[in-house]
Protein backbone atom coordinates (compact mmCIF):
# COMPACT_ATOMS: atom_id res chain seq x y z
CA MET A 1 164.84 170.81 -22.56
CA ARG A 2 164.99 171.30 -26.31
CA ARG A 3 162.68 169.06 -28.26
CA MET A 4 164.15 167.01 -31.05
CA PRO A 5 162.55 167.78 -34.42
CA ARG A 6 159.97 165.18 -35.35
CA ARG A 7 160.59 163.14 -38.44
CA ARG A 8 158.00 163.20 -41.16
CA LYS A 9 155.70 160.25 -40.88
CA PRO A 10 156.10 157.89 -43.83
CA THR A 11 153.21 157.96 -46.26
CA PHE A 12 153.39 154.22 -46.95
CA GLY A 13 152.91 151.19 -44.77
CA PRO A 14 154.90 148.00 -44.18
CA GLU A 15 153.10 146.40 -47.12
CA LYS A 16 154.81 148.80 -49.52
CA VAL A 17 158.20 148.12 -47.91
CA GLN A 18 157.69 144.38 -48.32
CA ALA A 19 156.55 144.86 -51.91
CA ILE A 20 159.76 146.76 -52.75
CA VAL A 21 161.91 144.12 -51.04
CA ASP A 22 160.11 141.27 -52.83
CA ALA A 23 160.38 143.02 -56.20
CA THR A 24 164.11 143.55 -55.65
CA LEU A 25 164.74 139.91 -54.75
CA ARG A 26 162.41 138.12 -57.15
CA THR A 27 161.95 140.26 -60.26
CA LYS A 28 163.94 142.19 -62.84
CA PRO A 29 162.94 145.19 -64.95
CA LYS A 30 161.85 144.30 -68.47
CA GLY A 31 164.80 144.13 -70.84
CA MET A 32 167.35 144.89 -68.09
CA THR A 33 169.52 142.91 -65.70
CA GLN A 34 168.91 144.75 -62.43
CA TRP A 35 166.87 147.45 -60.73
CA SER A 36 168.04 150.99 -60.11
CA CYS A 37 166.63 153.38 -57.50
CA ARG A 38 164.81 155.40 -60.15
CA LEU A 39 163.39 152.37 -61.94
CA MET A 40 162.12 150.84 -58.71
CA ALA A 41 160.71 154.19 -57.55
CA ALA A 42 158.75 154.61 -60.79
CA HIS A 43 157.55 151.01 -60.61
CA GLN A 44 156.38 151.27 -56.98
CA GLY A 45 155.17 154.89 -57.01
CA VAL A 46 157.59 156.19 -54.35
CA SER A 47 160.65 158.45 -54.38
CA LYS A 48 164.12 157.15 -55.22
CA SER A 49 165.38 158.18 -51.77
CA THR A 50 162.68 155.97 -50.24
CA VAL A 51 163.87 153.02 -52.30
CA ASN A 52 167.46 153.73 -51.34
CA ASN A 53 166.58 153.89 -47.63
CA ILE A 54 164.66 150.60 -47.81
CA TRP A 55 167.53 148.87 -49.59
CA GLN A 56 170.00 150.14 -47.00
CA SER A 57 167.83 149.12 -44.05
CA HIS A 58 167.50 145.58 -45.48
CA ASN A 59 171.18 145.44 -46.52
CA LEU A 60 170.28 144.79 -50.16
CA LYS A 61 173.20 145.33 -52.54
CA HIS A 62 171.78 144.28 -55.88
CA HIS A 63 174.71 145.76 -57.82
CA ARG A 64 177.23 143.40 -56.23
CA VAL A 65 177.77 139.82 -57.39
CA LYS A 66 180.18 137.25 -55.97
CA THR A 67 181.47 134.35 -58.03
CA PHE A 68 181.72 130.78 -56.82
CA LYS A 69 182.45 127.32 -58.15
CA LEU A 70 181.59 124.07 -56.40
CA SER A 71 183.52 120.97 -57.35
CA ARG A 72 181.37 118.08 -58.53
CA ASP A 73 184.24 115.61 -58.39
CA ALA A 74 183.03 112.30 -56.97
CA LYS A 75 186.49 111.76 -55.42
CA PHE A 76 186.81 115.29 -54.06
CA LEU A 77 187.68 114.32 -50.48
CA GLU A 78 190.12 111.63 -51.58
CA LYS A 79 192.02 113.98 -53.91
CA LEU A 80 191.91 116.85 -51.41
CA THR A 81 193.41 114.66 -48.68
CA ASP A 82 196.08 113.42 -51.08
CA VAL A 83 197.25 116.89 -52.17
CA VAL A 84 197.08 118.51 -48.74
CA GLY A 85 198.94 115.52 -47.32
CA LEU A 86 201.80 116.21 -49.74
CA TYR A 87 202.02 119.78 -48.45
CA LEU A 88 201.80 118.99 -44.74
CA ASN A 89 203.70 115.70 -44.69
CA PRO A 90 205.77 115.32 -47.86
CA PRO A 91 207.37 111.91 -48.47
CA GLN A 92 211.00 111.50 -47.51
CA GLN A 93 213.65 111.17 -50.21
CA ALA A 94 211.27 112.70 -52.75
CA ILE A 95 210.50 116.10 -54.30
CA VAL A 96 207.03 117.66 -54.54
CA LEU A 97 206.45 119.92 -57.55
CA CYS A 98 203.33 121.99 -58.26
CA VAL A 99 203.03 122.13 -62.05
CA ASP A 100 200.74 124.30 -64.16
CA GLU A 101 200.62 126.64 -67.15
CA LYS A 102 199.79 130.31 -67.50
CA SER A 103 198.61 130.71 -71.06
CA GLN A 104 198.06 133.73 -73.30
CA ILE A 105 200.50 136.05 -71.52
CA GLN A 106 200.49 139.26 -73.55
CA ALA A 107 203.61 141.36 -73.94
CA LEU A 108 202.28 144.90 -74.16
CA ASP A 109 204.12 148.19 -74.56
CA ARG A 110 202.42 151.57 -74.18
CA THR A 111 202.56 153.80 -77.23
CA GLN A 112 203.99 156.74 -75.26
CA PRO A 113 205.94 156.97 -72.01
CA GLY A 114 203.85 157.88 -68.98
CA LEU A 115 204.55 160.14 -66.04
CA PRO A 116 205.79 158.64 -62.77
CA MET A 117 203.87 158.85 -59.54
CA LYS A 118 204.51 161.89 -57.38
CA LYS A 119 203.05 163.37 -54.23
CA GLY A 120 199.41 164.19 -54.81
CA ARG A 121 199.27 162.56 -58.25
CA CYS A 122 199.15 158.98 -59.41
CA GLY A 123 201.24 157.61 -62.25
CA THR A 124 199.87 157.87 -65.78
CA MET A 125 199.95 155.71 -68.90
CA THR A 126 198.34 155.86 -72.32
CA HIS A 127 195.08 154.01 -72.85
CA ASP A 128 196.35 152.32 -76.02
CA TYR A 129 199.18 149.84 -76.35
CA LYS A 130 201.28 147.87 -78.81
CA ARG A 131 201.02 144.08 -78.91
CA ASN A 132 204.29 142.15 -78.95
CA GLY A 133 202.76 138.69 -79.15
CA THR A 134 201.69 136.13 -76.57
CA THR A 135 203.35 133.19 -74.87
CA THR A 136 202.55 130.35 -72.47
CA LEU A 137 204.53 129.93 -69.28
CA PHE A 138 205.02 126.39 -67.97
CA ALA A 139 206.14 126.49 -64.34
CA ALA A 140 206.94 124.03 -61.56
CA LEU A 141 207.14 125.20 -57.95
CA GLU A 142 209.29 123.10 -55.62
CA VAL A 143 207.18 123.12 -52.48
CA LEU A 144 209.91 122.67 -49.88
CA GLN A 145 212.48 125.16 -51.22
CA GLY A 146 210.17 127.63 -52.96
CA LYS A 147 212.24 127.32 -56.15
CA VAL A 148 210.46 127.96 -59.45
CA ILE A 149 211.46 126.24 -62.68
CA GLY A 150 209.85 127.79 -65.74
CA GLN A 151 209.94 127.84 -69.50
CA CYS A 152 208.01 129.86 -72.07
CA TYR A 153 206.63 128.27 -75.22
CA ALA A 154 204.77 129.77 -78.16
CA ARG A 155 201.91 127.25 -77.94
CA HIS A 156 199.98 125.35 -75.26
CA ARG A 157 199.80 121.71 -76.36
CA HIS A 158 200.82 118.30 -75.07
CA GLN A 159 204.02 118.56 -77.15
CA GLU A 160 205.15 121.58 -75.13
CA PHE A 161 204.12 119.89 -71.89
CA LEU A 162 206.27 116.87 -72.77
CA LYS A 163 209.22 119.19 -73.41
CA PHE A 164 208.71 120.72 -69.98
CA LEU A 165 208.53 117.28 -68.35
CA ARG A 166 211.83 116.36 -69.99
CA ARG A 167 213.36 119.53 -68.60
CA LEU A 168 212.16 118.59 -65.11
CA ASP A 169 213.77 115.20 -65.64
CA GLN A 170 217.07 116.98 -66.36
CA GLU A 171 216.73 119.50 -63.52
CA PHE A 172 216.46 116.67 -60.98
CA PRO A 173 218.89 113.97 -62.16
CA GLY A 174 219.00 110.53 -60.61
CA GLU A 175 216.16 108.29 -59.52
CA ILE A 176 214.67 110.46 -56.79
CA PRO A 177 210.84 110.35 -57.06
CA LEU A 178 209.10 113.48 -58.35
CA HIS A 179 205.53 114.01 -57.12
CA LEU A 180 203.66 116.33 -59.50
CA VAL A 181 200.58 118.24 -58.31
CA MET A 182 198.52 119.15 -61.37
CA ASP A 183 195.00 120.12 -62.40
CA ASN A 184 192.75 118.18 -64.77
CA TYR A 185 193.56 120.09 -67.96
CA GLY A 186 193.42 117.89 -71.06
CA THR A 187 197.11 118.44 -71.85
CA HIS A 188 198.09 116.66 -68.64
CA LYS A 189 196.07 113.54 -69.51
CA GLU A 190 196.82 113.26 -73.21
CA PRO A 191 197.60 109.62 -74.23
CA ARG A 192 201.18 110.38 -75.30
CA VAL A 193 201.79 112.22 -72.04
CA ARG A 194 200.46 109.26 -70.08
CA ALA A 195 202.66 106.90 -72.07
CA TRP A 196 205.74 109.03 -71.33
CA LEU A 197 204.90 109.14 -67.61
CA LYS A 198 204.44 105.37 -67.60
CA ARG A 199 207.94 104.92 -69.04
CA HIS A 200 209.36 107.28 -66.40
CA ALA A 201 208.10 105.66 -63.24
CA ARG A 202 209.71 108.19 -60.90
CA PHE A 203 207.08 110.76 -61.93
CA VAL A 204 204.06 110.33 -59.63
CA CYS A 205 201.01 112.41 -60.58
CA HIS A 206 198.55 113.82 -58.04
CA PHE A 207 195.52 115.53 -59.58
CA VAL A 208 193.56 118.15 -57.67
CA PRO A 209 189.76 117.82 -57.70
CA THR A 210 187.96 119.29 -60.70
CA SER A 211 187.28 123.04 -60.46
CA SER A 212 189.78 123.27 -57.57
CA SER A 213 192.92 124.73 -59.14
CA TRP A 214 193.30 126.90 -56.03
CA LEU A 215 194.78 123.81 -54.34
CA ASN A 216 197.81 124.06 -56.61
CA LEU A 217 200.36 126.32 -54.90
CA VAL A 218 201.94 127.40 -58.17
CA GLU A 219 198.77 129.44 -58.77
CA ARG A 220 199.94 131.64 -55.88
CA TRP A 221 203.18 132.27 -57.73
CA PHE A 222 201.28 133.06 -60.93
CA ALA A 223 199.36 135.70 -58.97
CA GLU A 224 202.65 137.26 -57.82
CA LEU A 225 203.95 137.15 -61.38
CA THR A 226 200.87 138.90 -62.75
CA ARG A 227 200.80 141.56 -60.06
CA LYS A 228 204.51 142.39 -59.95
CA ARG A 229 205.66 141.85 -63.50
CA ILE A 230 202.95 141.51 -66.14
CA ARG A 231 200.33 144.02 -65.02
CA GLN A 232 202.69 146.91 -64.27
CA PRO A 233 202.48 149.79 -66.80
CA LYS A 234 206.19 149.72 -67.61
CA PRO A 235 208.10 148.84 -70.77
CA PHE A 236 207.97 145.06 -71.12
CA VAL A 237 211.29 143.47 -72.02
CA TRP A 238 210.20 140.35 -73.88
CA THR A 239 212.50 137.33 -74.10
CA ALA A 240 212.11 133.78 -75.32
CA THR A 241 212.62 132.33 -71.84
CA VAL A 242 211.27 132.99 -68.39
CA GLU A 243 214.61 133.39 -66.61
CA SER A 244 214.43 137.18 -66.74
CA ILE A 245 210.95 137.12 -65.22
CA VAL A 246 212.04 134.75 -62.44
CA GLU A 247 215.06 136.96 -61.73
CA LYS A 248 212.79 139.96 -61.22
CA LEU A 249 210.81 137.93 -58.68
CA SER A 250 213.73 136.69 -56.61
CA ARG A 251 211.96 137.91 -53.47
CA CYS A 252 208.92 135.81 -54.30
CA ARG A 253 210.37 132.92 -52.30
CA GLN A 254 210.05 134.83 -49.05
CA THR A 255 206.36 135.41 -49.76
CA LEU A 256 205.79 131.78 -50.69
CA GLU A 257 207.49 130.49 -47.55
CA LYS A 258 204.82 132.18 -45.44
CA ILE A 259 202.02 130.24 -47.11
CA GLN A 260 203.68 126.87 -47.64
CA PRO A 261 203.61 124.28 -44.84
CA GLY A 262 207.01 122.70 -44.35
CA CYS A 263 209.07 125.74 -45.35
CA THR A 264 211.32 127.40 -42.85
CA LEU A 265 210.51 131.03 -42.17
CA PRO A 266 213.28 133.65 -42.25
CA ARG A 267 214.98 134.18 -38.93
CA ARG A 268 213.81 137.20 -37.02
CA ARG A 269 216.31 139.52 -35.45
CA LYS A 270 216.16 139.72 -31.71
CA ALA A 271 215.18 143.10 -30.37
CA LYS A 272 217.93 144.93 -28.53
CA HIS A 273 217.06 146.08 -25.04
């Protein structure tokens, strides 16, 4: 039988291990935001590999930080139930629209054309760019059909929001009720906006809890828009309206149908035997 080589006995005891763990969790180096292996090793009088091994054995990842936001809305449960109820059991003879704005959209063009992706090499683009201005996209997502109605404006004020509400009034003629799911941004609760909504009784507002914009399904469409259209390093064709952007995302409806309760999924082809 071959003997396994013996590991070198550590030259420090459990007290030193606990001291390193406590220092990692409860202290910070002077003038800095976090410890590094070398800083902690010099502070504790051990090697950096020892510090690294202790951090790994205790699953300490001091370099990683996760963000969170807890809603402090006193009516959180009431508003949550109201909005989710619209998604799961929408009212009959009515339309549910998720309304929000995506502000400060930058139209950027790279200063030189890049090289396309090829086998064994990723695509390239220049690090600098040319600014072509910014715009604000007002969008309304029809929950049942997955249809997006959008309009771009130069500014993000209650005047532009009123223009968008008037467009929604024209897009859905008649007296059919329109249930709007919105966040608590000041533009949505401006006195002149409230007065307009009071005169147009078919608009019914449902506000998500504070710090809970993730409940608004149009945010999911904004994510698709950013990932597939805005963030791509390609020449940006800038127009005054959003129709060209929506046309590029015609397949977005299929993605939205998978996450929206009440939408019919595309029919699957039966496998041939």
